[in-house]
């Protein structure tokens, strides 16, 4: 069994109801959905989002970001988005882990690291990255 499958099985035992579940670890939430959702408008705060099982899309203006267990999402500033779980079922619910990022600490990190400027069309907010098992 792959590590992601083991983590999905563990989350299935810990999180038995759909919704967002805060943990004892500050700023860490576990999310479950046993069915695809309707598009939901909201303000996405700075966070790292890792999908353990299922698939989700986030729309920012005309841009659509589709991510799953092989891609993670990082949002570094408050963004008005439309989010939708697009792959989930009772047998294989959508599970994700969200770590809310502290904007003050994030700003300090950006100033310390002096990131390289990106060319137009590269990078972006939000950003998707490839996840490894």
N, C-alpha and C. Protein backbone atom coordinates (compact mmCIF):
# COMPACT_ATOMS: atom_id res chain seq x y z
N UNK A 1 0.85 -1.20 0.00
CA UNK A 1 0.00 0.00 0.00
C UNK A 1 0.89 1.24 0.00
N UNK A 2 0.63 2.15 -0.91
CA UNK A 2 1.40 3.40 -0.98
C UNK A 2 1.17 4.24 0.27
N UNK A 3 2.13 5.12 0.54
CA UNK A 3 2.01 5.98 1.72
C UNK A 3 0.74 6.83 1.67
N UNK A 4 0.40 7.33 0.50
CA UNK A 4 -0.82 8.15 0.38
C UNK A 4 -2.06 7.32 0.69
N UNK A 5 -2.06 6.05 0.27
CA UNK A 5 -3.19 5.17 0.58
C UNK A 5 -3.28 4.91 2.08
N UNK A 6 -2.12 4.74 2.71
CA UNK A 6 -2.10 4.53 4.16
C UNK A 6 -2.62 5.78 4.88
N UNK A 7 -2.20 6.95 4.40
CA UNK A 7 -2.68 8.20 5.02
C UNK A 7 -4.18 8.36 4.81
N UNK A 8 -4.68 8.02 3.63
CA UNK A 8 -6.13 8.10 3.37
C UNK A 8 -6.89 7.16 4.30
N UNK A 9 -6.36 5.96 4.51
CA UNK A 9 -7.01 5.00 5.42
C UNK A 9 -7.02 5.55 6.85
N UNK A 10 -5.92 6.16 7.27
CA UNK A 10 -5.84 6.75 8.61
C UNK A 10 -6.84 7.90 8.75
N UNK A 11 -6.90 8.78 7.75
CA UNK A 11 -7.86 9.88 7.80
C UNK A 11 -9.30 9.36 7.80
N UNK A 12 -9.54 8.26 7.10
CA UNK A 12 -10.88 7.66 7.09
C UNK A 12 -11.31 7.22 8.48
N UNK A 13 -10.35 6.80 9.29
CA UNK A 13 -10.67 6.39 10.67
C UNK A 13 -10.81 7.60 11.59
N UNK A 14 -10.03 8.65 11.34
CA UNK A 14 -10.05 9.83 12.21
C UNK A 14 -11.18 10.81 11.90
N UNK A 15 -11.48 10.96 10.61
CA UNK A 15 -12.46 11.97 10.17
C UNK A 15 -13.62 11.24 9.50
N UNK A 16 -14.68 11.00 10.26
CA UNK A 16 -15.79 10.19 9.76
C UNK A 16 -16.95 11.02 9.22
N UNK A 17 -16.93 12.33 9.47
CA UNK A 17 -18.00 13.21 8.99
C UNK A 17 -17.44 14.21 7.99
N UNK A 18 -18.25 14.57 7.01
CA UNK A 18 -17.84 15.57 6.04
C UNK A 18 -17.69 16.93 6.72
N UNK A 19 -16.76 17.72 6.21
CA UNK A 19 -16.56 19.07 6.72
C UNK A 19 -15.10 19.36 7.00
N UNK A 20 -14.88 20.53 7.58
CA UNK A 20 -13.54 20.98 7.96
C UNK A 20 -13.39 20.71 9.45
N UNK A 21 -12.33 20.01 9.82
CA UNK A 21 -12.11 19.62 11.21
C UNK A 21 -10.78 20.18 11.68
N UNK A 22 -10.84 21.11 12.64
CA UNK A 22 -9.61 21.66 13.21
C UNK A 22 -8.96 20.59 14.07
N UNK A 23 -7.65 20.60 14.13
CA UNK A 23 -6.92 19.62 14.93
C UNK A 23 -6.35 20.30 16.17
N UNK A 24 -5.72 19.50 17.03
CA UNK A 24 -5.07 20.05 18.22
C UNK A 24 -3.82 20.84 17.83
N UNK A 25 -3.34 20.64 16.61
CA UNK A 25 -2.18 21.38 16.12
C UNK A 25 -2.68 22.72 15.56
N UNK A 26 -2.17 23.83 16.09
CA UNK A 26 -2.65 25.13 15.62
C UNK A 26 -2.51 25.28 14.10
N UNK A 27 -3.54 25.82 13.47
CA UNK A 27 -3.59 26.14 12.04
C UNK A 27 -3.61 24.91 11.13
N UNK A 28 -3.80 23.72 11.68
CA UNK A 28 -3.85 22.51 10.85
C UNK A 28 -5.28 21.97 10.85
N UNK A 29 -5.84 21.78 9.66
CA UNK A 29 -7.21 21.27 9.53
C UNK A 29 -7.23 20.06 8.61
N UNK A 30 -8.15 19.14 8.89
CA UNK A 30 -8.41 17.98 8.05
C UNK A 30 -9.77 18.18 7.40
N UNK A 31 -9.87 17.90 6.11
CA UNK A 31 -11.10 18.16 5.37
C UNK A 31 -11.56 16.89 4.69
N UNK A 32 -12.87 16.63 4.77
CA UNK A 32 -13.45 15.44 4.16
C UNK A 32 -14.72 15.81 3.41
N UNK A 33 -14.91 15.16 2.26
CA UNK A 33 -16.17 15.27 1.51
C UNK A 33 -16.43 13.93 0.86
N UNK A 34 -17.61 13.36 1.10
CA UNK A 34 -17.94 12.04 0.55
C UNK A 34 -18.65 12.14 -0.79
N UNK A 35 -18.73 13.35 -1.35
CA UNK A 35 -19.32 13.53 -2.67
C UNK A 35 -18.78 14.81 -3.29
N UNK A 36 -18.83 14.92 -4.61
CA UNK A 36 -18.44 16.19 -5.24
C UNK A 36 -19.32 17.31 -4.69
N UNK A 37 -18.77 18.51 -4.66
CA UNK A 37 -19.51 19.65 -4.12
C UNK A 37 -19.89 20.61 -5.24
N UNK A 38 -20.82 21.48 -4.93
CA UNK A 38 -21.15 22.58 -5.83
C UNK A 38 -20.02 23.61 -5.73
N UNK A 39 -19.83 24.43 -6.73
CA UNK A 39 -18.84 25.51 -6.62
C UNK A 39 -19.18 26.41 -5.43
N UNK A 40 -18.18 26.73 -4.62
CA UNK A 40 -18.38 27.58 -3.45
C UNK A 40 -17.48 28.81 -3.54
N UNK A 41 -18.10 29.98 -3.45
CA UNK A 41 -17.36 31.24 -3.48
C UNK A 41 -16.81 31.50 -2.08
N UNK A 42 -15.59 32.00 -2.02
CA UNK A 42 -15.02 32.31 -0.72
C UNK A 42 -13.71 33.05 -0.85
N UNK A 43 -13.17 33.43 0.29
CA UNK A 43 -11.88 34.08 0.36
C UNK A 43 -10.89 33.05 0.86
N UNK A 44 -9.93 32.67 0.02
CA UNK A 44 -8.93 31.69 0.42
C UNK A 44 -7.80 32.43 1.11
N UNK A 45 -7.58 32.13 2.37
CA UNK A 45 -6.51 32.75 3.14
C UNK A 45 -5.21 32.02 2.83
N UNK A 46 -4.05 32.61 3.18
CA UNK A 46 -2.78 31.95 2.92
C UNK A 46 -2.74 30.55 3.55
N UNK A 47 -2.39 29.56 2.73
CA UNK A 47 -2.39 28.18 3.21
C UNK A 47 -1.63 27.27 2.26
N UNK A 48 -1.21 26.14 2.79
CA UNK A 48 -0.68 25.03 2.02
C UNK A 48 -1.75 23.95 2.06
N UNK A 49 -2.21 23.50 0.90
CA UNK A 49 -3.27 22.50 0.82
C UNK A 49 -2.74 21.25 0.13
N UNK A 50 -2.85 20.13 0.81
CA UNK A 50 -2.37 18.86 0.28
C UNK A 50 -3.54 17.89 0.22
N UNK A 51 -3.83 17.39 -0.96
CA UNK A 51 -4.91 16.42 -1.12
C UNK A 51 -4.35 15.03 -0.94
N UNK A 52 -5.02 14.26 -0.11
CA UNK A 52 -4.62 12.88 0.16
C UNK A 52 -5.40 11.93 -0.74
N UNK A 53 -6.65 12.29 -1.02
CA UNK A 53 -7.50 11.44 -1.87
C UNK A 53 -8.57 12.32 -2.53
N UNK A 54 -8.85 12.07 -3.79
CA UNK A 54 -9.85 12.85 -4.51
C UNK A 54 -9.21 13.93 -5.35
N UNK A 55 -10.03 14.87 -5.79
CA UNK A 55 -9.56 15.95 -6.67
C UNK A 55 -10.40 17.19 -6.43
N UNK A 56 -9.76 18.34 -6.57
CA UNK A 56 -10.43 19.62 -6.35
C UNK A 56 -9.99 20.61 -7.41
N UNK A 57 -10.87 21.55 -7.71
CA UNK A 57 -10.46 22.65 -8.58
C UNK A 57 -10.75 23.96 -7.88
N UNK A 58 -9.88 24.92 -8.15
CA UNK A 58 -10.02 26.26 -7.61
C UNK A 58 -9.98 27.21 -8.80
N UNK A 59 -10.95 28.12 -8.86
CA UNK A 59 -11.01 29.09 -9.95
C UNK A 59 -10.70 30.47 -9.40
N UNK A 60 -9.77 31.13 -10.06
CA UNK A 60 -9.39 32.50 -9.73
C UNK A 60 -9.53 33.30 -11.01
N UNK A 61 -10.59 34.09 -11.09
CA UNK A 61 -10.88 34.78 -12.34
C UNK A 61 -11.17 33.75 -13.42
N UNK A 62 -10.46 33.84 -14.53
CA UNK A 62 -10.64 32.90 -15.64
C UNK A 62 -9.74 31.67 -15.51
N UNK A 63 -8.79 31.71 -14.57
CA UNK A 63 -7.81 30.63 -14.43
C UNK A 63 -8.38 29.51 -13.55
N UNK A 64 -8.22 28.26 -14.00
CA UNK A 64 -8.66 27.10 -13.23
C UNK A 64 -7.44 26.30 -12.80
N UNK A 65 -7.36 26.00 -11.51
CA UNK A 65 -6.28 25.20 -10.95
C UNK A 65 -6.89 23.88 -10.49
N UNK A 66 -6.48 22.78 -11.12
CA UNK A 66 -6.97 21.45 -10.76
C UNK A 66 -5.85 20.75 -10.01
N UNK A 67 -6.15 20.24 -8.82
CA UNK A 67 -5.10 19.54 -8.09
C UNK A 67 -5.64 18.31 -7.39
N UNK A 68 -4.70 17.39 -7.11
CA UNK A 68 -5.03 16.09 -6.52
C UNK A 68 -3.84 15.63 -5.68
N UNK A 69 -3.75 14.33 -5.40
CA UNK A 69 -2.68 13.85 -4.52
C UNK A 69 -1.30 14.01 -5.15
N UNK A 70 -1.22 14.27 -6.44
CA UNK A 70 0.08 14.46 -7.08
C UNK A 70 0.47 15.93 -7.20
N UNK A 71 -0.40 16.84 -6.78
CA UNK A 71 -0.12 18.27 -6.81
C UNK A 71 -0.64 18.92 -5.53
N UNK A 72 0.10 19.88 -5.02
CA UNK A 72 -0.36 20.62 -3.85
C UNK A 72 -0.62 22.07 -4.26
N UNK A 73 -1.34 22.79 -3.43
CA UNK A 73 -1.68 24.18 -3.71
C UNK A 73 -1.12 25.05 -2.59
N UNK A 74 -0.47 26.15 -2.98
CA UNK A 74 0.01 27.13 -2.01
C UNK A 74 -0.62 28.47 -2.36
N UNK A 75 -1.25 29.08 -1.38
CA UNK A 75 -1.83 30.42 -1.53
C UNK A 75 -1.10 31.31 -0.54
N UNK A 76 -0.46 32.37 -1.05
CA UNK A 76 0.36 33.21 -0.17
C UNK A 76 -0.30 34.53 0.23
N UNK A 77 -1.42 34.86 -0.41
CA UNK A 77 -2.17 36.08 -0.06
C UNK A 77 -3.66 35.75 -0.08
N UNK A 78 -4.47 36.60 0.55
CA UNK A 78 -5.92 36.40 0.51
C UNK A 78 -6.40 36.51 -0.93
N UNK A 79 -7.17 35.51 -1.38
CA UNK A 79 -7.66 35.50 -2.76
C UNK A 79 -9.14 35.15 -2.81
N UNK A 80 -9.93 35.91 -3.58
CA UNK A 80 -11.33 35.52 -3.79
C UNK A 80 -11.36 34.40 -4.83
N UNK A 81 -11.82 33.24 -4.43
CA UNK A 81 -11.79 32.07 -5.31
C UNK A 81 -13.15 31.39 -5.35
N UNK A 82 -13.27 30.46 -6.28
CA UNK A 82 -14.40 29.54 -6.31
C UNK A 82 -13.79 28.15 -6.22
N UNK A 83 -14.13 27.40 -5.18
CA UNK A 83 -13.57 26.07 -4.98
C UNK A 83 -14.63 25.01 -5.14
N UNK A 84 -14.22 23.86 -5.65
CA UNK A 84 -15.16 22.76 -5.87
C UNK A 84 -14.43 21.43 -5.81
N UNK A 85 -14.91 20.53 -4.94
CA UNK A 85 -14.42 19.15 -4.95
C UNK A 85 -15.05 18.48 -6.16
N UNK A 86 -14.22 17.95 -7.06
CA UNK A 86 -14.74 17.38 -8.30
C UNK A 86 -14.63 15.85 -8.34
N UNK A 87 -13.90 15.28 -7.40
CA UNK A 87 -13.79 13.82 -7.36
C UNK A 87 -13.85 13.35 -5.91
N UNK A 88 -14.93 12.66 -5.56
CA UNK A 88 -15.13 12.13 -4.21
C UNK A 88 -16.31 11.17 -4.26
N UNK A 89 -16.28 10.18 -3.39
CA UNK A 89 -17.39 9.23 -3.29
C UNK A 89 -17.46 8.70 -1.87
N UNK A 90 -18.53 8.00 -1.56
CA UNK A 90 -18.67 7.40 -0.24
C UNK A 90 -17.55 6.39 -0.01
N UNK A 91 -17.22 5.62 -1.05
CA UNK A 91 -16.18 4.59 -0.93
C UNK A 91 -14.78 5.21 -0.86
N UNK A 92 -14.57 6.30 -1.59
CA UNK A 92 -13.27 6.99 -1.60
C UNK A 92 -13.51 8.49 -1.44
N UNK A 93 -13.71 8.93 -0.18
CA UNK A 93 -13.98 10.35 0.06
C UNK A 93 -12.78 11.23 -0.30
N UNK A 94 -13.08 12.48 -0.53
CA UNK A 94 -12.04 13.50 -0.69
C UNK A 94 -11.47 13.77 0.69
N UNK A 95 -10.16 13.69 0.82
CA UNK A 95 -9.46 14.04 2.06
C UNK A 95 -8.37 15.03 1.71
N UNK A 96 -8.27 16.09 2.49
CA UNK A 96 -7.15 17.00 2.33
C UNK A 96 -6.69 17.50 3.69
N UNK A 97 -5.46 17.97 3.69
CA UNK A 97 -4.85 18.56 4.88
C UNK A 97 -4.53 20.00 4.52
N UNK A 98 -4.96 20.93 5.38
CA UNK A 98 -4.70 22.35 5.12
C UNK A 98 -3.92 22.94 6.29
N UNK A 99 -2.78 23.53 5.96
CA UNK A 99 -1.98 24.24 6.95
C UNK A 99 -2.11 25.72 6.66
N UNK A 100 -2.80 26.44 7.54
CA UNK A 100 -2.97 27.88 7.37
C UNK A 100 -1.64 28.56 7.68
N UNK A 101 -1.23 29.46 6.79
CA UNK A 101 0.05 30.14 6.92
C UNK A 101 -0.14 31.49 7.59
N UNK A 102 0.78 31.83 8.47
CA UNK A 102 0.75 33.12 9.16
C UNK A 102 1.30 34.18 8.20
N UNK A 103 0.47 35.16 7.80
CA UNK A 103 0.92 36.16 6.83
C UNK A 103 2.15 36.95 7.30
N UNK A 104 2.27 37.22 8.59
CA UNK A 104 3.42 37.97 9.10
C UNK A 104 4.69 37.14 8.94
N UNK A 105 4.62 35.86 9.33
CA UNK A 105 5.78 34.99 9.18
C UNK A 105 6.11 34.76 7.71
N UNK A 106 5.09 34.65 6.87
CA UNK A 106 5.28 34.46 5.44
C UNK A 106 5.99 35.67 4.83
N UNK A 107 5.58 36.87 5.23
CA UNK A 107 6.23 38.10 4.73
C UNK A 107 7.69 38.15 5.16
N UNK A 108 7.96 37.81 6.42
CA UNK A 108 9.33 37.81 6.92
C UNK A 108 10.19 36.81 6.15
N UNK A 109 9.63 35.65 5.88
CA UNK A 109 10.36 34.63 5.12
C UNK A 109 10.67 35.11 3.71
N UNK A 110 9.70 35.76 3.07
CA UNK A 110 9.90 36.28 1.72
C UNK A 110 11.02 37.33 1.71
N UNK A 111 11.03 38.21 2.72
CA UNK A 111 12.07 39.24 2.78
C UNK A 111 13.44 38.64 3.02
N UNK A 112 13.51 37.61 3.86
CA UNK A 112 14.79 36.95 4.14
C UNK A 112 15.32 36.18 2.94
N UNK A 113 14.43 35.51 2.22
CA UNK A 113 14.88 34.64 1.14
C UNK A 113 15.17 35.39 -0.15
N UNK A 114 14.69 36.62 -0.28
CA UNK A 114 14.88 37.43 -1.48
C UNK A 114 14.63 36.60 -2.74
N UNK A 115 13.39 36.18 -2.95
CA UNK A 115 13.10 35.31 -4.09
C UNK A 115 13.41 35.99 -5.42
N UNK A 116 13.78 35.17 -6.41
CA UNK A 116 14.03 35.68 -7.76
C UNK A 116 12.73 36.16 -8.37
N UNK A 117 12.80 37.23 -9.11
CA UNK A 117 11.61 37.71 -9.82
C UNK A 117 11.28 36.72 -10.93
N UNK A 118 10.01 36.52 -11.16
CA UNK A 118 9.60 35.62 -12.23
C UNK A 118 9.21 36.43 -13.45
N UNK A 119 9.34 35.81 -14.59
CA UNK A 119 8.92 36.44 -15.84
C UNK A 119 7.40 36.39 -15.91
N UNK A 120 6.80 37.29 -16.67
CA UNK A 120 5.34 37.23 -16.83
C UNK A 120 4.90 35.85 -17.29
N UNK A 121 3.88 35.33 -16.64
CA UNK A 121 3.36 34.01 -17.01
C UNK A 121 3.99 32.87 -16.24
N UNK A 122 5.08 33.14 -15.50
CA UNK A 122 5.70 32.10 -14.69
C UNK A 122 5.25 32.27 -13.25
N UNK A 123 5.29 31.18 -12.52
CA UNK A 123 4.89 31.25 -11.12
C UNK A 123 3.43 31.60 -11.03
N UNK A 124 3.07 32.33 -10.01
CA UNK A 124 1.69 32.76 -9.91
C UNK A 124 1.15 32.58 -8.52
N UNK A 125 0.02 33.18 -8.30
CA UNK A 125 -0.67 33.08 -7.03
C UNK A 125 -2.10 32.72 -7.35
N UNK A 126 -2.62 31.63 -6.95
CA UNK A 126 -1.95 30.59 -6.18
C UNK A 126 -0.95 29.82 -7.03
N UNK A 127 -0.16 28.98 -6.37
CA UNK A 127 0.82 28.17 -7.09
C UNK A 127 0.53 26.70 -6.86
N UNK A 128 0.69 25.92 -7.92
CA UNK A 128 0.58 24.48 -7.81
C UNK A 128 1.98 23.91 -7.88
N UNK A 129 2.22 22.86 -7.12
CA UNK A 129 3.50 22.17 -7.18
C UNK A 129 3.27 20.68 -7.26
N UNK A 130 4.26 19.97 -7.78
CA UNK A 130 4.16 18.52 -7.89
C UNK A 130 4.52 17.91 -6.56
N UNK A 131 3.69 17.00 -6.08
CA UNK A 131 3.92 16.31 -4.81
C UNK A 131 4.52 14.94 -5.11
N UNK A 132 5.34 14.46 -4.20
CA UNK A 132 5.87 13.11 -4.35
C UNK A 132 5.31 12.24 -3.25
N UNK A 133 5.17 10.94 -3.49
CA UNK A 133 4.54 10.05 -2.50
C UNK A 133 5.30 9.98 -1.20
